[in-house]
Amino acid sequence: MADMKATEGPKPIETLNADDPDYPCGLRITLSKAEIEKLMVGRDFQMGEELKIKGVAEVIEMSKEDVRHGNDGQRVTLQIKELEVDTNKTDSDRFYGE
């Protein structure tokens, strides 16, 4: 798996996450009670808990533009269409991945 933590150097202001500026705000997913019920998790989550998720997304928008100061203006927007949460994460999974 790829670590999605923001890389060193200047970070575009529109991608900053006020709660955790080390991770871009576009990587955040918010699930309401209805979505949680669809996932059939059947239990409460704990703050700070890590979960394995799998999903299927469709590319719904793509753009590439030249921007000043050498930043790559490439962007892809994904629409999540299917999502699964694995709540049976073992210590082995946590430390070594799948």
N, C-alpha and C. Protein backbone atom coordinates (compact mmCIF):
# COMPACT_ATOMS: atom_id res chain seq x y z
N MET A 1 0.84 -1.19 0.00
CA MET A 1 0.00 0.00 0.00
C MET A 1 0.88 1.24 0.00
N ALA A 2 0.37 2.30 -0.58
CA ALA A 2 1.10 3.57 -0.64
C ALA A 2 0.71 4.45 0.54
N ASP A 3 1.70 5.04 1.19
CA ASP A 3 1.45 6.00 2.26
C ASP A 3 1.00 7.30 1.61
N MET A 4 -0.20 7.78 1.93
CA MET A 4 -0.77 8.96 1.30
C MET A 4 -0.46 10.25 2.04
N LYS A 5 0.43 10.18 3.02
CA LYS A 5 0.84 11.37 3.75
C LYS A 5 1.44 12.38 2.78
N ALA A 6 1.15 13.66 2.96
CA ALA A 6 1.65 14.70 2.07
C ALA A 6 3.17 14.69 2.07
N THR A 7 3.75 14.93 0.90
CA THR A 7 5.20 14.91 0.77
C THR A 7 5.80 16.22 1.28
N GLU A 8 7.11 16.21 1.43
CA GLU A 8 7.80 17.41 1.88
C GLU A 8 7.65 18.53 0.85
N GLY A 9 7.84 19.76 1.28
CA GLY A 9 7.75 20.89 0.39
C GLY A 9 6.44 21.63 0.54
N PRO A 10 6.24 22.67 -0.28
CA PRO A 10 5.01 23.46 -0.17
C PRO A 10 3.77 22.64 -0.53
N LYS A 11 2.73 22.82 0.25
CA LYS A 11 1.47 22.11 0.02
C LYS A 11 0.43 23.11 -0.47
N PRO A 12 -0.27 22.79 -1.57
CA PRO A 12 -1.31 23.71 -2.05
C PRO A 12 -2.36 23.94 -0.96
N ILE A 13 -2.72 25.18 -0.72
CA ILE A 13 -3.63 25.53 0.37
C ILE A 13 -4.99 24.85 0.24
N GLU A 14 -5.46 24.63 -1.00
CA GLU A 14 -6.78 24.02 -1.18
C GLU A 14 -6.79 22.54 -0.81
N THR A 15 -5.63 21.92 -0.67
CA THR A 15 -5.60 20.51 -0.31
C THR A 15 -5.35 20.27 1.16
N LEU A 16 -5.09 21.34 1.92
CA LEU A 16 -4.78 21.16 3.34
C LEU A 16 -6.02 20.77 4.14
N ASN A 17 -5.82 19.90 5.08
CA ASN A 17 -6.86 19.44 5.98
C ASN A 17 -6.59 20.11 7.33
N ALA A 18 -7.49 20.95 7.78
CA ALA A 18 -7.27 21.70 9.02
C ALA A 18 -7.08 20.79 10.23
N ASP A 19 -7.77 19.65 10.26
CA ASP A 19 -7.66 18.73 11.39
C ASP A 19 -6.35 17.95 11.39
N ASP A 20 -5.82 17.65 10.21
CA ASP A 20 -4.59 16.87 10.09
C ASP A 20 -3.90 17.27 8.79
N PRO A 21 -3.09 18.33 8.83
CA PRO A 21 -2.49 18.86 7.60
C PRO A 21 -1.49 17.91 6.93
N ASP A 22 -1.17 16.79 7.57
CA ASP A 22 -0.26 15.83 6.94
C ASP A 22 -0.96 15.01 5.85
N TYR A 23 -2.28 15.01 5.83
CA TYR A 23 -3.04 14.25 4.84
C TYR A 23 -3.98 15.19 4.07
N PRO A 24 -4.01 15.08 2.74
CA PRO A 24 -4.88 15.95 1.93
C PRO A 24 -6.36 15.73 2.26
N CYS A 25 -7.14 16.82 2.26
CA CYS A 25 -8.55 16.73 2.63
C CYS A 25 -9.35 15.89 1.65
N GLY A 26 -8.91 15.78 0.41
CA GLY A 26 -9.62 14.98 -0.58
C GLY A 26 -9.59 13.49 -0.30
N LEU A 27 -8.78 13.05 0.64
CA LEU A 27 -8.71 11.63 0.96
C LEU A 27 -9.64 11.25 2.11
N ARG A 28 -10.38 12.20 2.62
CA ARG A 28 -11.27 11.94 3.75
C ARG A 28 -12.63 11.44 3.25
N ILE A 29 -13.16 10.42 3.90
CA ILE A 29 -14.48 9.88 3.58
C ILE A 29 -15.34 10.01 4.83
N THR A 30 -16.53 10.56 4.70
CA THR A 30 -17.46 10.67 5.82
C THR A 30 -18.65 9.77 5.54
N LEU A 31 -18.94 8.88 6.48
CA LEU A 31 -20.06 7.96 6.35
C LEU A 31 -21.13 8.31 7.38
N SER A 32 -22.36 8.43 6.93
CA SER A 32 -23.47 8.68 7.85
C SER A 32 -24.01 7.35 8.36
N LYS A 33 -24.98 7.42 9.24
CA LYS A 33 -25.58 6.21 9.81
C LYS A 33 -26.10 5.29 8.71
N ALA A 34 -26.72 5.88 7.67
CA ALA A 34 -27.27 5.07 6.58
C ALA A 34 -26.18 4.29 5.85
N GLU A 35 -25.03 4.94 5.57
CA GLU A 35 -23.94 4.25 4.89
C GLU A 35 -23.33 3.17 5.79
N ILE A 36 -23.19 3.47 7.08
CA ILE A 36 -22.65 2.48 8.02
C ILE A 36 -23.55 1.25 8.07
N GLU A 37 -24.87 1.47 8.06
CA GLU A 37 -25.81 0.35 8.06
C GLU A 37 -25.68 -0.47 6.78
N LYS A 38 -25.47 0.20 5.63
CA LYS A 38 -25.28 -0.53 4.37
C LYS A 38 -24.04 -1.41 4.41
N LEU A 39 -23.02 -0.95 5.11
CA LEU A 39 -21.79 -1.72 5.23
C LEU A 39 -21.93 -2.89 6.20
N MET A 40 -23.03 -2.91 6.95
CA MET A 40 -23.34 -3.98 7.90
C MET A 40 -22.19 -4.25 8.86
N VAL A 41 -21.61 -3.19 9.37
CA VAL A 41 -20.51 -3.33 10.31
C VAL A 41 -21.02 -3.90 11.63
N GLY A 42 -22.18 -3.44 12.09
CA GLY A 42 -22.82 -4.02 13.26
C GLY A 42 -22.15 -3.74 14.60
N ARG A 43 -21.35 -2.70 14.65
CA ARG A 43 -20.71 -2.34 15.93
C ARG A 43 -20.29 -0.89 15.89
N ASP A 44 -19.96 -0.34 17.05
CA ASP A 44 -19.49 1.03 17.12
C ASP A 44 -18.00 1.09 16.82
N PHE A 45 -17.56 2.19 16.26
CA PHE A 45 -16.14 2.41 16.00
C PHE A 45 -15.53 3.14 17.20
N GLN A 46 -14.23 3.06 17.33
CA GLN A 46 -13.49 3.75 18.38
C GLN A 46 -12.61 4.83 17.75
N MET A 47 -12.49 5.98 18.40
CA MET A 47 -11.61 7.04 17.91
C MET A 47 -10.19 6.49 17.80
N GLY A 48 -9.52 6.77 16.71
CA GLY A 48 -8.16 6.33 16.49
C GLY A 48 -8.04 4.92 15.95
N GLU A 49 -9.14 4.20 15.89
CA GLU A 49 -9.13 2.83 15.37
C GLU A 49 -8.79 2.85 13.88
N GLU A 50 -8.00 1.90 13.44
CA GLU A 50 -7.68 1.77 12.02
C GLU A 50 -8.46 0.60 11.44
N LEU A 51 -9.02 0.83 10.24
CA LEU A 51 -9.82 -0.18 9.57
C LEU A 51 -9.28 -0.40 8.17
N LYS A 52 -9.41 -1.59 7.68
CA LYS A 52 -9.08 -1.89 6.29
C LYS A 52 -10.32 -1.62 5.46
N ILE A 53 -10.17 -0.89 4.36
CA ILE A 53 -11.30 -0.66 3.46
C ILE A 53 -10.92 -1.10 2.06
N LYS A 54 -11.92 -1.56 1.31
CA LYS A 54 -11.76 -1.90 -0.10
C LYS A 54 -12.89 -1.21 -0.83
N GLY A 55 -12.63 -0.79 -2.05
CA GLY A 55 -13.68 -0.12 -2.77
C GLY A 55 -13.51 -0.19 -4.27
N VAL A 56 -14.56 0.21 -4.94
CA VAL A 56 -14.56 0.35 -6.40
C VAL A 56 -14.96 1.79 -6.68
N ALA A 57 -14.17 2.46 -7.50
CA ALA A 57 -14.46 3.85 -7.84
C ALA A 57 -14.42 4.01 -9.35
N GLU A 58 -15.18 4.99 -9.84
CA GLU A 58 -15.21 5.33 -11.25
C GLU A 58 -14.55 6.69 -11.44
N VAL A 59 -13.71 6.80 -12.45
CA VAL A 59 -13.12 8.10 -12.78
C VAL A 59 -14.22 8.93 -13.42
N ILE A 60 -14.58 10.05 -12.78
CA ILE A 60 -15.67 10.88 -13.31
C ILE A 60 -15.19 12.24 -13.82
N GLU A 61 -13.93 12.57 -13.54
CA GLU A 61 -13.40 13.84 -14.03
C GLU A 61 -11.89 13.75 -14.09
N MET A 62 -11.33 14.30 -15.17
CA MET A 62 -9.87 14.35 -15.31
C MET A 62 -9.50 15.71 -15.86
N SER A 63 -8.39 16.25 -15.39
CA SER A 63 -7.91 17.50 -15.95
C SER A 63 -6.40 17.56 -15.80
N LYS A 64 -5.78 18.26 -16.72
CA LYS A 64 -4.35 18.50 -16.64
C LYS A 64 -4.10 19.87 -17.22
N GLU A 65 -3.36 20.67 -16.49
CA GLU A 65 -3.08 22.02 -16.93
C GLU A 65 -1.68 22.42 -16.49
N ASP A 66 -1.11 23.34 -17.22
CA ASP A 66 0.19 23.89 -16.83
C ASP A 66 -0.07 25.03 -15.86
N VAL A 67 0.64 24.99 -14.75
CA VAL A 67 0.48 26.04 -13.75
C VAL A 67 1.84 26.63 -13.43
N ARG A 68 1.83 27.81 -12.90
CA ARG A 68 3.07 28.50 -12.56
C ARG A 68 3.84 27.77 -11.47
N HIS A 69 5.10 28.10 -11.37
CA HIS A 69 5.98 27.63 -10.30
C HIS A 69 6.22 26.12 -10.34
N GLY A 70 6.01 25.51 -11.50
CA GLY A 70 6.37 24.11 -11.68
C GLY A 70 5.47 23.07 -11.04
N ASN A 71 4.35 23.47 -10.47
CA ASN A 71 3.44 22.48 -9.89
C ASN A 71 2.71 21.76 -11.01
N ASP A 72 2.53 20.47 -10.84
CA ASP A 72 1.78 19.68 -11.82
C ASP A 72 0.30 19.90 -11.57
N GLY A 73 -0.41 20.37 -12.57
CA GLY A 73 -1.83 20.65 -12.43
C GLY A 73 -2.71 19.49 -12.81
N GLN A 74 -2.26 18.26 -12.58
CA GLN A 74 -3.05 17.09 -12.93
C GLN A 74 -3.98 16.73 -11.78
N ARG A 75 -5.22 16.34 -12.15
CA ARG A 75 -6.21 15.98 -11.13
C ARG A 75 -7.15 14.91 -11.68
N VAL A 76 -7.51 13.97 -10.84
CA VAL A 76 -8.49 12.94 -11.18
C VAL A 76 -9.52 12.91 -10.06
N THR A 77 -10.80 12.92 -10.41
CA THR A 77 -11.87 12.82 -9.42
C THR A 77 -12.49 11.43 -9.53
N LEU A 78 -12.57 10.75 -8.40
CA LEU A 78 -13.14 9.41 -8.35
C LEU A 78 -14.46 9.42 -7.61
N GLN A 79 -15.44 8.72 -8.14
CA GLN A 79 -16.72 8.52 -7.45
C GLN A 79 -16.69 7.12 -6.87
N ILE A 80 -16.72 7.02 -5.54
CA ILE A 80 -16.76 5.71 -4.90
C ILE A 80 -18.12 5.10 -5.16
N LYS A 81 -18.14 3.90 -5.72
CA LYS A 81 -19.40 3.23 -6.06
C LYS A 81 -19.68 2.03 -5.16
N GLU A 82 -18.63 1.38 -4.69
CA GLU A 82 -18.78 0.24 -3.80
C GLU A 82 -17.72 0.37 -2.72
N LEU A 83 -18.07 -0.05 -1.50
CA LEU A 83 -17.16 0.09 -0.38
C LEU A 83 -17.34 -1.07 0.57
N GLU A 84 -16.24 -1.56 1.13
CA GLU A 84 -16.28 -2.63 2.11
C GLU A 84 -15.35 -2.25 3.25
N VAL A 85 -15.78 -2.50 4.48
CA VAL A 85 -14.95 -2.27 5.65
C VAL A 85 -14.67 -3.60 6.30
N ASP A 86 -13.40 -3.92 6.49
CA ASP A 86 -13.00 -5.16 7.15
C ASP A 86 -12.66 -4.82 8.59
N THR A 87 -13.49 -5.27 9.51
CA THR A 87 -13.27 -4.97 10.92
C THR A 87 -12.53 -6.09 11.64
N ASN A 88 -12.07 -7.09 10.89
CA ASN A 88 -11.35 -8.21 11.49
C ASN A 88 -9.86 -8.08 11.27
N LYS A 89 -9.32 -6.92 11.49
CA LYS A 89 -7.90 -6.66 11.27
C LYS A 89 -7.08 -7.31 12.37
N THR A 90 -6.10 -8.08 11.98
CA THR A 90 -5.23 -8.73 12.96
C THR A 90 -3.98 -7.89 13.17
N ASP A 91 -3.22 -8.21 14.20
CA ASP A 91 -1.95 -7.51 14.43
C ASP A 91 -1.01 -7.72 13.26
N SER A 92 -1.04 -8.89 12.67
CA SER A 92 -0.20 -9.17 11.50
C SER A 92 -0.56 -8.25 10.35
N ASP A 93 -1.85 -8.06 10.09
CA ASP A 93 -2.30 -7.14 9.05
C ASP A 93 -1.83 -5.73 9.33
N ARG A 94 -1.95 -5.31 10.58
CA ARG A 94 -1.59 -3.95 10.96
C ARG A 94 -0.12 -3.66 10.69
N PHE A 95 0.76 -4.62 10.98
CA PHE A 95 2.18 -4.39 10.86
C PHE A 95 2.77 -4.78 9.50
N TYR A 96 2.18 -5.77 8.86
CA TYR A 96 2.79 -6.28 7.63
C TYR A 96 1.91 -6.16 6.40
N GLY A 97 0.73 -5.60 6.51
CA GLY A 97 -0.19 -5.49 5.37
C GLY A 97 -0.87 -6.82 5.10
N GLU A 98 -1.44 -6.94 3.91
CA GLU A 98 -2.18 -8.16 3.57
C GLU A 98 -1.30 -9.36 3.55
